[in-house]
Protein backbone atom coordinates (compact mmCIF):
# COMPACT_ATOMS: atom_id res chain seq x y z
CA MET A 1 35.40 100.74 125.05
CA ARG A 2 35.30 97.42 123.36
CA ARG A 3 36.19 99.37 119.91
CA TYR A 4 39.45 100.84 121.44
CA ILE A 5 40.25 97.31 122.51
CA VAL A 6 39.90 95.59 119.37
CA VAL A 7 41.73 98.51 117.47
CA GLY A 8 44.68 98.34 120.54
CA LEU A 9 45.01 94.57 119.73
CA VAL A 10 45.50 94.84 116.00
CA ALA A 11 47.72 97.74 116.69
CA GLY A 12 49.86 95.39 119.00
CA LEU A 13 49.79 92.58 116.46
CA VAL A 14 51.00 94.81 113.76
CA MET A 15 53.71 96.41 116.02
CA PHE A 16 54.48 93.11 116.74
CA LEU A 17 54.88 91.64 112.78
CA ALA A 18 56.87 94.52 112.00
CA ALA A 19 59.18 93.68 114.70
CA GLN A 20 59.63 90.50 113.67
CA LEU A 21 60.34 91.53 109.92
CA VAL A 22 62.82 93.96 111.18
CA GLN A 23 64.37 91.27 113.07
CA THR A 24 64.70 88.78 110.07
CA LEU A 25 66.05 91.48 107.83
CA LEU A 26 68.78 92.33 110.45
CA LEU A 27 69.27 88.41 110.43
CA VAL A 28 69.57 87.73 106.89
CA GLY A 29 69.80 91.34 105.04
CA ASP A 30 72.26 90.94 102.20
CA LYS A 31 74.55 88.51 103.63
CA PRO A 32 75.52 85.53 102.27
CA ARG A 33 74.31 82.01 103.61
CA ALA A 34 76.40 80.03 105.39
CA VAL A 35 78.17 77.21 103.45
CA THR A 36 76.73 73.83 104.72
CA PRO A 37 79.90 71.27 104.95
CA ARG A 38 80.26 68.00 102.50
CA GLY A 39 82.05 65.11 102.86
CA ASP A 40 84.13 63.06 100.52
CA LEU A 41 82.73 62.98 97.15
CA ALA A 42 81.20 59.69 96.30
CA SER A 43 83.59 56.69 95.30
CA PHE A 44 81.48 56.63 91.83
CA GLU A 45 82.21 60.26 91.33
CA LYS A 46 85.78 60.02 92.06
CA THR A 47 86.01 57.41 89.28
CA THR A 48 84.47 59.60 86.50
CA ILE A 49 86.74 62.79 87.58
CA ASP A 50 89.65 60.84 87.25
CA ILE A 51 88.76 59.27 83.97
CA PHE A 52 87.51 62.54 82.58
CA LYS A 53 91.18 64.26 83.92
CA ASN A 54 93.06 60.85 82.39
CA ALA A 55 91.53 60.48 79.17
CA ALA A 56 90.74 64.57 78.23
CA PRO A 57 93.96 65.44 76.97
CA SER A 58 93.93 62.39 74.35
CA VAL A 59 90.75 63.89 72.91
CA VAL A 60 90.88 66.21 69.70
CA TYR A 61 88.26 68.79 68.39
CA ILE A 62 88.44 67.93 64.49
CA TYR A 63 87.35 71.07 62.07
CA THR A 64 87.39 69.96 58.00
CA ARG A 65 86.81 72.44 54.71
CA THR A 66 85.57 71.57 51.68
CA GLN A 67 84.95 74.64 49.01
CA GLY A 68 82.57 73.25 46.71
CA SER A 69 81.10 74.31 43.28
CA GLY A 70 78.34 77.04 42.15
CA PHE A 71 76.33 76.51 39.60
CA PHE A 72 78.22 77.77 37.18
CA GLY A 73 81.29 75.95 38.03
CA GLU A 74 82.86 78.47 40.09
CA ASP A 75 84.11 77.83 43.63
CA ASN A 76 81.91 79.84 45.86
CA ARG A 77 80.99 77.83 48.58
CA THR A 78 82.99 76.57 51.49
CA ARG A 79 81.64 74.00 53.67
CA SER A 80 82.62 73.21 57.05
CA GLY A 81 82.07 70.23 59.61
CA THR A 82 83.21 69.53 62.81
CA GLY A 83 83.98 65.57 64.69
CA SER A 84 85.71 64.36 67.58
CA GLY A 85 88.73 62.03 67.40
CA PHE A 86 91.79 61.08 69.89
CA VAL A 87 95.52 60.61 69.93
CA TRP A 88 96.20 57.19 69.02
CA ASP A 89 100.26 57.29 69.57
CA ARG A 90 103.29 59.18 69.79
CA ALA A 91 103.86 59.53 65.98
CA GLY A 92 101.22 61.92 65.60
CA HIS A 93 98.70 59.42 64.63
CA ILE A 94 94.79 60.60 65.30
CA ILE A 95 92.00 58.24 65.11
CA THR A 96 88.58 59.68 63.67
CA ASN A 97 85.51 58.32 61.50
CA HIS A 98 85.75 58.36 57.88
CA HIS A 99 82.24 59.74 57.59
CA VAL A 100 83.90 62.96 59.52
CA VAL A 101 86.92 63.88 57.10
CA ASN A 102 85.56 62.37 54.16
CA GLY A 103 85.81 64.80 51.09
CA ALA A 104 87.29 67.33 53.28
CA GLN A 105 90.07 69.75 51.44
CA GLU A 106 91.67 70.72 54.98
CA ILE A 107 91.34 69.22 58.20
CA PHE A 108 92.36 70.60 61.42
CA VAL A 109 93.25 69.44 64.91
CA ARG A 110 92.37 71.38 67.81
CA PHE A 111 94.06 69.58 71.06
CA ASP A 112 93.19 69.76 74.73
CA GLN A 113 95.44 72.41 75.24
CA GLY A 114 94.19 74.64 72.93
CA ASP A 115 96.79 74.18 70.11
CA ILE A 116 95.63 73.96 66.60
CA LEU A 117 97.43 71.90 63.60
CA ARG A 118 96.88 71.17 60.28
CA ALA A 119 95.99 67.41 60.33
CA ALA A 120 96.78 65.32 56.76
CA LEU A 121 94.74 62.28 56.03
CA VAL A 122 97.09 58.71 55.88
CA GLY A 123 94.12 56.93 54.62
CA SER A 124 90.57 55.62 55.61
CA SER A 125 88.17 52.45 55.77
CA PRO A 126 84.71 53.14 54.78
CA ASP A 127 83.52 49.52 55.71
CA HIS A 128 84.41 49.98 58.92
CA ASP A 129 83.90 53.91 59.52
CA LEU A 130 87.36 54.80 60.53
CA ALA A 131 90.14 57.05 59.24
CA VAL A 132 93.34 57.90 60.48
CA LEU A 133 95.11 61.31 60.40
CA ARG A 134 98.21 62.60 61.04
CA VAL A 135 99.71 65.94 62.58
CA SER A 136 103.34 67.22 63.57
CA ALA A 137 104.20 67.35 66.71
CA SER A 138 106.48 66.52 69.12
CA ALA A 139 106.08 63.01 70.84
CA ARG A 140 106.41 64.95 74.43
CA ASP A 141 103.25 67.10 73.51
CA LEU A 142 101.13 64.06 72.73
CA ALA A 143 98.89 61.62 75.03
CA PRO A 144 97.95 58.64 73.20
CA ILE A 145 94.88 56.89 74.50
CA PRO A 146 95.12 53.72 76.52
CA VAL A 147 94.05 50.77 74.54
CA GLY A 148 91.26 47.74 76.11
CA LYS A 149 89.31 45.43 74.47
CA SER A 150 86.20 45.08 73.63
CA GLY A 151 85.65 40.86 73.48
CA ASP A 152 85.63 40.67 76.92
CA LEU A 153 82.58 43.53 77.39
CA VAL A 154 79.56 42.89 79.07
CA ILE A 155 76.42 44.57 79.39
CA GLY A 156 75.53 46.78 81.75
CA GLN A 157 79.00 47.76 82.84
CA SER A 158 80.12 51.70 83.05
CA VAL A 159 81.29 53.67 79.55
CA TYR A 160 82.14 57.06 79.17
CA ALA A 161 82.55 59.00 76.18
CA ILE A 162 84.03 62.07 75.43
CA GLY A 163 83.68 64.41 72.42
CA ASN A 164 82.73 67.73 70.99
CA PRO A 165 78.38 67.17 70.38
CA PHE A 166 77.42 70.45 68.54
CA GLY A 167 80.71 72.02 68.43
CA LEU A 168 80.89 72.03 72.51
CA ASN A 169 84.29 70.68 73.25
CA ARG A 170 85.40 68.72 76.07
CA THR A 171 81.90 67.37 76.74
CA LEU A 172 81.84 63.85 78.93
CA THR A 173 78.67 61.58 79.26
CA THR A 174 78.05 58.48 80.80
CA GLY A 175 75.68 55.38 80.89
CA ILE A 176 76.13 51.85 80.64
CA VAL A 177 76.83 49.32 77.33
CA SER A 178 72.99 48.92 76.33
CA SER A 179 73.91 45.65 74.00
CA LEU A 180 76.63 44.44 72.14
CA ASP A 181 76.98 42.57 68.62
CA ARG A 182 74.83 44.69 67.16
CA THR A 183 75.38 45.48 63.35
CA LEU A 184 75.84 48.47 61.81
CA PRO A 185 75.29 49.42 57.72
CA THR A 186 78.44 51.59 56.43
CA ARG A 187 78.01 53.52 53.32
CA SER A 188 79.80 51.32 51.30
CA GLY A 189 77.19 48.71 51.92
CA ARG A 190 79.13 46.42 54.43
CA GLU A 191 78.44 46.10 57.57
CA ILE A 192 80.30 46.61 60.90
CA SER A 193 80.37 43.41 63.14
CA GLY A 194 80.16 43.36 66.59
CA VAL A 195 79.33 46.91 67.28
CA ILE A 196 78.83 48.15 70.90
CA GLN A 197 75.48 49.86 71.42
CA THR A 198 75.24 52.56 74.65
CA ASP A 199 73.02 54.72 76.13
CA ALA A 200 75.69 57.37 77.31
CA ALA A 201 74.69 60.74 75.24
CA ILE A 202 76.07 60.84 72.05
CA ASN A 203 75.18 63.76 69.79
CA PRO A 204 76.38 65.15 66.40
CA GLY A 205 79.85 66.15 66.73
CA ASN A 206 80.71 62.83 68.73
CA SER A 207 81.50 61.33 66.24
CA GLY A 208 85.05 59.67 66.14
CA GLY A 209 85.55 60.09 69.93
CA PRO A 210 86.42 57.34 72.47
CA LEU A 211 83.82 55.60 74.10
CA ILE A 212 85.93 54.35 77.81
CA ASP A 213 85.57 51.82 80.24
CA SER A 214 85.92 52.50 84.11
CA ALA A 215 89.68 51.68 83.77
CA GLY A 216 90.02 54.63 81.12
CA ARG A 217 90.70 52.51 78.55
CA LEU A 218 89.25 52.73 74.90
CA ILE A 219 86.84 50.36 73.76
CA GLY A 220 85.19 51.54 71.11
CA VAL A 221 85.10 54.99 68.43
CA ASN A 222 81.82 56.69 68.85
CA THR A 223 80.25 56.58 65.50
CA ALA A 224 76.54 56.86 65.15
CA ILE A 225 73.08 57.04 66.57
CA ALA A 226 69.48 56.30 66.60
CA SER A 227 66.97 58.91 66.46
CA ARG A 228 64.21 60.61 64.71
CA SER A 229 65.05 63.90 66.16
CA GLY A 230 69.05 63.76 65.04
CA SER A 231 70.09 64.35 68.84
CA SER A 232 70.58 61.89 71.51
CA ALA A 233 67.40 59.73 72.08
CA GLY A 234 69.93 56.94 74.25
CA ILE A 235 70.66 54.69 71.15
CA GLY A 236 74.58 55.21 70.37
CA PHE A 237 76.97 52.77 68.68
CA ALA A 238 80.59 52.63 68.89
CA VAL A 239 83.12 50.49 66.44
CA PRO A 240 84.47 48.25 69.03
CA VAL A 241 88.27 48.75 69.76
CA ASP A 242 89.38 44.88 68.54
CA THR A 243 88.13 45.93 65.05
CA VAL A 244 90.02 49.16 65.92
CA ASN A 245 93.19 47.72 66.73
CA LYS A 246 93.16 45.49 63.70
CA VAL A 247 92.27 48.18 61.08
CA VAL A 248 94.05 51.01 62.20
CA PRO A 249 97.76 49.11 61.72
CA GLN A 250 96.92 48.26 58.06
CA ILE A 251 95.32 51.92 57.43
CA ILE A 252 99.16 53.70 58.45
CA SER A 253 100.86 50.99 56.48
CA GLY A 254 99.45 51.00 53.67
CA GLY A 255 96.53 53.60 53.38
CA LYS A 256 93.83 51.15 53.80
CA PRO A 257 93.05 48.17 55.44
CA ALA A 258 92.58 44.74 53.72
CA ARG A 259 89.38 43.83 52.09
CA PRO A 260 88.67 40.37 52.07
CA GLY A 261 86.46 38.38 49.19
CA ILE A 262 86.49 35.58 46.94
CA GLY A 263 86.17 37.04 43.97
CA ILE A 264 82.85 37.05 43.05
CA GLN A 265 80.13 39.85 41.69
CA ALA A 266 76.70 38.69 43.81
CA GLY A 267 73.48 39.97 43.32
CA SER A 268 71.44 42.36 45.59
CA GLN A 269 69.41 41.14 48.32
CA GLU A 270 66.44 42.34 46.48
CA LEU A 271 67.13 40.04 43.43
CA ALA A 272 67.48 37.09 45.89
CA ALA A 273 64.07 37.87 47.56
CA ARG A 274 62.48 38.06 43.84
CA LEU A 275 63.46 35.00 43.21
CA GLY A 276 62.44 33.27 46.42
CA ILE A 277 65.94 32.54 47.67
CA SER A 278 67.57 32.84 51.06
CA GLY A 279 71.05 33.23 50.50
CA VAL A 280 73.66 35.39 48.31
CA VAL A 281 73.67 34.58 44.34
CA ILE A 282 76.65 34.52 42.09
CA VAL A 283 76.21 36.43 39.52
CA ASN A 284 79.63 36.53 37.97
CA VAL A 285 82.98 35.20 38.86
CA VAL A 286 86.41 36.89 38.56
CA PRO A 287 88.43 35.04 36.26
CA GLY A 288 91.60 33.63 37.73
CA GLY A 289 90.08 34.39 41.35
CA SER A 290 89.82 32.25 44.34
CA ALA A 291 86.08 31.55 43.55
CA GLN A 292 86.34 30.46 40.04
CA ARG A 293 89.70 28.22 40.84
CA ALA A 294 87.19 26.44 43.41
CA GLY A 295 84.80 25.69 40.80
CA LEU A 296 82.12 28.31 42.13
CA ARG A 297 79.48 29.73 38.78
CA GLY A 298 77.89 32.75 38.21
CA VAL A 299 74.85 33.09 36.06
CA ASP A 300 74.74 31.55 32.39
CA MET A 301 72.63 34.03 30.64
CA ALA A 302 72.95 31.68 27.29
CA GLU A 303 71.30 28.86 29.11
CA GLN A 304 69.59 30.63 31.45
CA ARG A 305 70.95 29.13 34.26
CA LEU A 306 71.19 30.70 37.91
CA GLY A 307 74.33 30.98 39.25
CA ASP A 308 75.74 29.14 42.41
CA VAL A 309 74.01 30.48 45.86
CA ILE A 310 75.96 30.67 48.83
CA VAL A 311 73.67 29.94 52.22
CA ALA A 312 76.07 29.72 54.89
CA VAL A 313 80.08 30.17 55.42
CA ASN A 314 81.94 27.77 57.95
CA GLY A 315 78.09 26.47 58.79
CA LYS A 316 76.73 30.12 59.70
CA PRO A 317 73.92 30.82 57.27
CA VAL A 318 74.39 34.18 55.49
CA LYS A 319 71.14 35.97 53.52
CA SER A 320 72.85 39.03 52.45
CA VAL A 321 76.01 40.46 50.63
CA SER A 322 77.18 42.35 53.87
CA GLN A 323 76.90 38.78 56.00
CA LEU A 324 78.90 37.29 53.67
CA ALA A 325 81.16 40.28 53.65
CA THR A 326 81.14 40.10 57.66
CA GLU A 327 82.34 36.63 58.15
CA LEU A 328 84.96 36.79 55.14
CA GLU A 329 86.51 39.35 57.35
CA LYS A 330 86.29 37.23 60.58
CA ALA A 331 88.10 34.50 58.86
CA GLY A 332 90.58 36.95 57.20
CA VAL A 333 92.89 37.06 54.33
CA GLY A 334 94.63 34.19 53.31
CA SER A 335 92.51 31.70 55.10
CA GLN A 336 90.23 28.79 53.89
CA VAL A 337 86.29 29.13 54.34
CA LYS A 338 83.73 26.66 53.83
CA LEU A 339 80.87 27.71 51.81
CA THR A 340 77.28 25.82 51.86
CA VAL A 341 76.32 26.27 48.43
CA LEU A 342 73.09 25.86 46.66
CA ARG A 343 73.67 24.28 42.76
CA ASN A 344 70.17 23.18 40.50
CA GLY A 345 68.40 23.00 44.09
CA GLU A 346 71.47 20.73 45.76
CA GLN A 347 73.76 21.91 48.28
CA ARG A 348 77.35 21.12 48.73
CA GLU A 349 80.44 22.17 50.21
CA VAL A 350 82.67 24.31 49.03
CA SER A 351 86.37 24.90 50.49
CA VAL A 352 87.32 28.50 49.11
CA SER A 353 90.57 30.69 49.94
CA VAL A 354 90.11 34.43 51.46
CA VAL A 355 91.51 36.91 49.50
CA ASP A 356 92.44 40.76 49.41
CA ILE A 357 90.08 42.18 46.74
CA GLY A 358 91.22 45.79 47.20
């Protein structure tokens, strides 16, 4: 009797569970779930959306082609490259990095709406890693990016990068200003000063694209990353817009910017280190140049005499040629700088004119 009772209880439990399963299937089945309503987007989300919507039409995709030479001199290898850029003005000028288009034989620009145009290189500045292209397009089809300032940036403020990382166009990444006044070496041997550091994701293909502030204004041109893997590690760098706004008009008007100098050939930092000197050793002075007119001396091989050593510009210490170049650029062509110079172990002040050394 007890066995029949247990069997009955088990059968009843099975029937109950089966009924529950059937009820669940009837309630859910293959019907979509009900959508839970949401409120308005957060204010910071709206800001980000508006920034992208307004700035994206100014950002372009850049594609380059270069024909190389084979082992026996025949042209049989075509190299391609990609990068980013943005519309500078309604005359058709496009800004990008020098390294994006350097050596390219063909340059193409694809706009936000999909139009692809051939671009001509107006000029570039390897010292600033900037280049200016020009396309033939009507002014009504161009959307110049609003230009801001970089001199009043503060660490922690929001920034936005738009570009084409790994060829994926119209990509937005966000972050903050991580640091300011970084220096970035260029392939020309000089350094870009005042560089903006950001943790907004910047990857290969972002080069030449804009870094934008929360007002939607250009504050920098994304140019490099610090990464062992070659991909974003949260340390990206941008050429400050104050530099861009000074260099670009010079490139447009003359094909290249002024290159401030004083007419010297300087020794390398390695040479100075071997001599136990902290400063810039003058090896030669250009005949008739401003350095010679100011009485500066280079190395005298006949008398085995060391040349003058520049240790400061306008009171700011310099230890390398790139630091000297940075200070001369800050002063600008046509200005007078006061050099602190060591000669035969004695320190003196010399006033020198800054000139364009081309």
